[in-house]
Amino acid sequence: MKYHVSGINHDTGARMTLDCEASSKADAERKATKAGMEVHRAQEMSENGATPAHERHSHRGEDDGDSGRFIKLLVLVVIVAIAVFFFWGKIRGFFRR
């Protein structure tokens, strides 16, 4: 299987890429390390030589939106509870009239 390995050269610090044939991703990283590269990424290549695009289900920090409503409701309840706590004397006096 072909792998596309990218990283930096140990000696010069220059960026470098290496396309190699290896049995696994770890083997490709070992080959790149032996070639004097500090490995940052190793990707499996498709048949036509391009690196495959990964299917993304969600991005970092994204959510389906259901918890957003819960958090908004929770914040509203906390704000109302704080307001009731600070104005309890006036509220109690209002209902005693």
N, C-alpha and C. Protein backbone atom coordinates (compact mmCIF):
# COMPACT_ATOMS: atom_id res chain seq x y z
N MET A 1 0.84 -1.16 0.00
CA MET A 1 0.00 0.00 0.00
C MET A 1 0.90 1.24 0.00
N LYS A 2 0.51 2.26 -0.72
CA LYS A 2 1.31 3.47 -0.80
C LYS A 2 0.87 4.47 0.27
N TYR A 3 1.86 5.15 0.85
CA TYR A 3 1.60 6.15 1.87
C TYR A 3 2.30 7.46 1.49
N HIS A 4 1.65 8.56 1.81
CA HIS A 4 2.20 9.89 1.62
C HIS A 4 2.56 10.42 3.01
N VAL A 5 3.85 10.59 3.27
CA VAL A 5 4.34 10.99 4.58
C VAL A 5 4.91 12.40 4.47
N SER A 6 4.51 13.27 5.37
CA SER A 6 5.05 14.63 5.36
C SER A 6 5.61 14.96 6.74
N GLY A 7 6.62 15.83 6.73
CA GLY A 7 7.27 16.22 7.97
C GLY A 7 8.37 17.21 7.69
N ILE A 8 9.37 17.26 8.60
CA ILE A 8 10.50 18.16 8.41
C ILE A 8 11.79 17.38 8.46
N ASN A 9 12.81 17.92 7.80
CA ASN A 9 14.14 17.32 7.79
C ASN A 9 14.81 17.59 9.12
N HIS A 10 15.41 16.56 9.72
CA HIS A 10 16.08 16.74 11.01
C HIS A 10 17.23 17.74 10.93
N ASP A 11 18.00 17.67 9.88
CA ASP A 11 19.21 18.48 9.78
C ASP A 11 18.94 19.93 9.43
N THR A 12 18.08 20.17 8.42
CA THR A 12 17.89 21.53 7.92
C THR A 12 16.62 22.20 8.42
N GLY A 13 15.67 21.43 8.87
CA GLY A 13 14.39 21.99 9.30
C GLY A 13 13.46 22.29 8.14
N ALA A 14 13.84 21.88 6.93
CA ALA A 14 13.02 22.13 5.75
C ALA A 14 11.87 21.11 5.69
N ARG A 15 10.76 21.56 5.12
CA ARG A 15 9.64 20.65 4.93
C ARG A 15 10.00 19.60 3.89
N MET A 16 9.51 18.39 4.11
CA MET A 16 9.74 17.35 3.11
C MET A 16 8.58 16.38 3.09
N THR A 17 8.36 15.79 1.93
CA THR A 17 7.33 14.78 1.77
C THR A 17 7.97 13.55 1.16
N LEU A 18 7.37 12.41 1.46
CA LEU A 18 7.90 11.14 0.96
C LEU A 18 6.72 10.25 0.62
N ASP A 19 6.73 9.71 -0.59
CA ASP A 19 5.74 8.72 -0.99
C ASP A 19 6.43 7.37 -0.98
N CYS A 20 5.93 6.45 -0.15
CA CYS A 20 6.62 5.17 -0.04
C CYS A 20 5.60 4.03 0.00
N GLU A 21 6.10 2.87 -0.35
CA GLU A 21 5.33 1.63 -0.31
C GLU A 21 5.61 0.97 1.04
N ALA A 22 4.55 0.70 1.81
CA ALA A 22 4.72 0.10 3.13
C ALA A 22 3.52 -0.77 3.44
N SER A 23 3.71 -1.69 4.38
CA SER A 23 2.63 -2.61 4.74
C SER A 23 1.63 -1.97 5.70
N SER A 24 2.08 -0.96 6.46
CA SER A 24 1.18 -0.29 7.40
C SER A 24 1.62 1.16 7.56
N LYS A 25 0.78 1.92 8.24
CA LYS A 25 1.09 3.33 8.47
C LYS A 25 2.32 3.47 9.36
N ALA A 26 2.44 2.62 10.37
CA ALA A 26 3.60 2.66 11.26
C ALA A 26 4.88 2.33 10.50
N ASP A 27 4.81 1.39 9.58
CA ASP A 27 5.98 1.03 8.77
C ASP A 27 6.39 2.20 7.87
N ALA A 28 5.41 2.91 7.32
CA ALA A 28 5.72 4.09 6.49
C ALA A 28 6.37 5.18 7.33
N GLU A 29 5.90 5.36 8.56
CA GLU A 29 6.51 6.35 9.44
C GLU A 29 7.94 5.96 9.81
N ARG A 30 8.18 4.66 10.03
CA ARG A 30 9.53 4.19 10.32
C ARG A 30 10.48 4.44 9.15
N LYS A 31 10.01 4.17 7.93
CA LYS A 31 10.83 4.40 6.75
C LYS A 31 11.18 5.88 6.61
N ALA A 32 10.21 6.75 6.88
CA ALA A 32 10.46 8.19 6.77
C ALA A 32 11.44 8.65 7.85
N THR A 33 11.32 8.08 9.04
CA THR A 33 12.23 8.44 10.13
C THR A 33 13.65 8.01 9.79
N LYS A 34 13.81 6.83 9.19
CA LYS A 34 15.13 6.36 8.78
C LYS A 34 15.72 7.23 7.68
N ALA A 35 14.86 7.88 6.89
CA ALA A 35 15.32 8.77 5.83
C ALA A 35 15.69 10.16 6.36
N GLY A 36 15.60 10.37 7.69
CA GLY A 36 16.00 11.64 8.28
C GLY A 36 14.86 12.63 8.42
N MET A 37 13.63 12.15 8.45
CA MET A 37 12.47 13.02 8.54
C MET A 37 11.83 12.91 9.92
N GLU A 38 11.41 14.05 10.46
CA GLU A 38 10.57 14.04 11.65
C GLU A 38 9.13 14.05 11.14
N VAL A 39 8.41 12.96 11.34
CA VAL A 39 7.11 12.74 10.73
C VAL A 39 6.03 13.55 11.44
N HIS A 40 5.24 14.27 10.64
CA HIS A 40 4.08 14.99 11.16
C HIS A 40 2.79 14.29 10.77
N ARG A 41 2.74 13.74 9.56
CA ARG A 41 1.51 13.12 9.07
C ARG A 41 1.85 12.01 8.08
N ALA A 42 1.09 10.94 8.17
CA ALA A 42 1.20 9.85 7.21
C ALA A 42 -0.21 9.50 6.76
N GLN A 43 -0.43 9.58 5.43
CA GLN A 43 -1.76 9.30 4.88
C GLN A 43 -1.68 8.21 3.83
N GLU A 44 -2.70 7.38 3.81
CA GLU A 44 -2.80 6.35 2.79
C GLU A 44 -3.20 7.00 1.47
N MET A 45 -2.54 6.56 0.40
CA MET A 45 -2.83 7.12 -0.92
C MET A 45 -3.80 6.22 -1.67
N SER A 46 -4.63 6.82 -2.52
CA SER A 46 -5.56 6.05 -3.33
C SER A 46 -4.84 5.52 -4.57
N GLU A 47 -5.58 4.83 -5.43
CA GLU A 47 -4.97 4.22 -6.62
C GLU A 47 -4.38 5.25 -7.57
N ASN A 48 -5.00 6.42 -7.71
CA ASN A 48 -4.52 7.40 -8.67
C ASN A 48 -3.41 8.27 -8.11
N GLY A 49 -2.96 8.03 -6.89
CA GLY A 49 -1.84 8.77 -6.33
C GLY A 49 -2.22 9.93 -5.46
N ALA A 50 -3.48 10.28 -5.42
CA ALA A 50 -3.92 11.41 -4.59
C ALA A 50 -4.26 10.91 -3.19
N THR A 51 -4.10 11.78 -2.21
CA THR A 51 -4.48 11.40 -0.85
C THR A 51 -6.00 11.48 -0.74
N PRO A 52 -6.64 10.49 -0.14
CA PRO A 52 -8.10 10.48 -0.08
C PRO A 52 -8.62 11.55 0.88
N ALA A 53 -9.73 12.13 0.51
CA ALA A 53 -10.38 13.11 1.38
C ALA A 53 -11.20 12.36 2.42
N HIS A 54 -11.05 12.74 3.67
CA HIS A 54 -11.79 12.08 4.74
C HIS A 54 -13.18 12.65 4.83
N GLU A 55 -14.14 11.77 5.04
CA GLU A 55 -15.53 12.21 5.20
C GLU A 55 -15.69 12.76 6.61
N ARG A 56 -16.16 14.00 6.69
CA ARG A 56 -16.33 14.62 8.00
C ARG A 56 -17.78 14.54 8.42
N HIS A 57 -17.97 14.06 9.61
CA HIS A 57 -19.32 13.99 10.16
C HIS A 57 -19.65 15.25 10.96
N SER A 58 -18.65 15.77 11.63
CA SER A 58 -18.82 17.03 12.35
C SER A 58 -17.46 17.66 12.52
N HIS A 59 -17.44 18.95 12.71
CA HIS A 59 -16.20 19.67 12.94
C HIS A 59 -15.99 19.83 14.43
N ARG A 60 -14.81 20.18 14.79
CA ARG A 60 -14.51 20.38 16.20
C ARG A 60 -15.37 21.51 16.74
N GLY A 61 -16.03 21.26 17.85
CA GLY A 61 -16.85 22.27 18.48
C GLY A 61 -18.29 22.31 17.98
N GLU A 62 -18.59 21.58 16.92
CA GLU A 62 -19.96 21.58 16.41
C GLU A 62 -20.80 20.60 17.21
N ASP A 63 -22.08 20.88 17.22
CA ASP A 63 -23.02 20.04 17.94
C ASP A 63 -24.29 19.95 17.12
N ASP A 64 -25.15 19.03 17.45
CA ASP A 64 -26.39 18.87 16.70
C ASP A 64 -27.43 19.93 17.05
N GLY A 65 -27.21 20.73 18.09
CA GLY A 65 -28.10 21.83 18.41
C GLY A 65 -29.06 21.56 19.55
N ASP A 66 -29.26 20.32 19.94
CA ASP A 66 -30.21 20.02 21.01
C ASP A 66 -29.69 20.50 22.36
N SER A 67 -28.41 20.39 22.60
CA SER A 67 -27.88 20.83 23.89
C SER A 67 -27.86 22.35 23.99
N GLY A 68 -27.87 23.06 22.86
CA GLY A 68 -27.90 24.52 22.88
C GLY A 68 -29.17 25.04 23.50
N ARG A 69 -30.28 24.43 23.18
CA ARG A 69 -31.56 24.84 23.78
C ARG A 69 -31.56 24.59 25.29
N PHE A 70 -31.01 23.46 25.68
CA PHE A 70 -30.94 23.12 27.10
C PHE A 70 -30.08 24.13 27.86
N ILE A 71 -28.96 24.50 27.28
CA ILE A 71 -28.07 25.47 27.93
C ILE A 71 -28.75 26.83 28.04
N LYS A 72 -29.46 27.26 26.99
CA LYS A 72 -30.18 28.53 27.04
C LYS A 72 -31.24 28.51 28.14
N LEU A 73 -31.98 27.42 28.23
CA LEU A 73 -33.00 27.29 29.27
C LEU A 73 -32.36 27.30 30.66
N LEU A 74 -31.25 26.62 30.82
CA LEU A 74 -30.55 26.57 32.09
C LEU A 74 -30.06 27.96 32.50
N VAL A 75 -29.51 28.72 31.56
CA VAL A 75 -29.05 30.08 31.85
C VAL A 75 -30.23 30.96 32.24
N LEU A 76 -31.35 30.82 31.55
CA LEU A 76 -32.54 31.61 31.88
C LEU A 76 -33.03 31.30 33.28
N VAL A 77 -33.07 30.04 33.65
CA VAL A 77 -33.52 29.64 34.98
C VAL A 77 -32.57 30.20 36.04
N VAL A 78 -31.28 30.17 35.80
CA VAL A 78 -30.31 30.70 36.76
C VAL A 78 -30.49 32.21 36.92
N ILE A 79 -30.69 32.93 35.81
CA ILE A 79 -30.89 34.38 35.88
C ILE A 79 -32.15 34.72 36.66
N VAL A 80 -33.23 33.98 36.41
CA VAL A 80 -34.48 34.22 37.14
C VAL A 80 -34.29 33.90 38.62
N ALA A 81 -33.58 32.84 38.94
CA ALA A 81 -33.35 32.49 40.35
C ALA A 81 -32.54 33.56 41.06
N ILE A 82 -31.54 34.11 40.38
CA ILE A 82 -30.73 35.18 40.99
C ILE A 82 -31.58 36.44 41.19
N ALA A 83 -32.42 36.77 40.21
CA ALA A 83 -33.29 37.95 40.33
C ALA A 83 -34.27 37.77 41.49
N VAL A 84 -34.86 36.59 41.63
CA VAL A 84 -35.78 36.33 42.73
C VAL A 84 -35.05 36.42 44.06
N PHE A 85 -33.83 35.92 44.13
CA PHE A 85 -33.06 35.97 45.37
C PHE A 85 -32.81 37.42 45.81
N PHE A 86 -32.42 38.29 44.87
CA PHE A 86 -32.10 39.67 45.21
C PHE A 86 -33.35 40.51 45.48
N PHE A 87 -34.43 40.22 44.83
CA PHE A 87 -35.64 41.03 44.99
C PHE A 87 -36.71 40.32 45.81
N TRP A 88 -36.36 39.35 46.62
CA TRP A 88 -37.34 38.57 47.37
C TRP A 88 -38.13 39.46 48.35
N GLY A 89 -37.48 40.42 48.96
CA GLY A 89 -38.18 41.31 49.90
C GLY A 89 -39.26 42.11 49.21
N LYS A 90 -38.99 42.66 48.06
CA LYS A 90 -39.99 43.43 47.32
C LYS A 90 -41.10 42.52 46.79
N ILE A 91 -40.74 41.33 46.36
CA ILE A 91 -41.75 40.40 45.84
C ILE A 91 -42.69 39.97 46.97
N ARG A 92 -42.15 39.66 48.15
CA ARG A 92 -42.96 39.25 49.29
C ARG A 92 -43.87 40.38 49.74
N GLY A 93 -43.35 41.60 49.76
CA GLY A 93 -44.16 42.74 50.14
C GLY A 93 -45.27 43.01 49.14
N PHE A 94 -45.02 42.78 47.87
CA PHE A 94 -46.04 42.98 46.84
C PHE A 94 -47.22 42.05 47.02
N PHE A 95 -46.98 40.80 47.39
CA PHE A 95 -48.05 39.82 47.54
C PHE A 95 -48.78 39.96 48.89
N ARG A 96 -48.19 40.63 49.87
CA ARG A 96 -48.84 40.80 51.18
C ARG A 96 -49.86 41.91 51.16
N ARG A 97 -49.88 42.78 50.22
CA ARG A 97 -50.81 43.92 50.19
C ARG A 97 -52.17 43.47 49.98
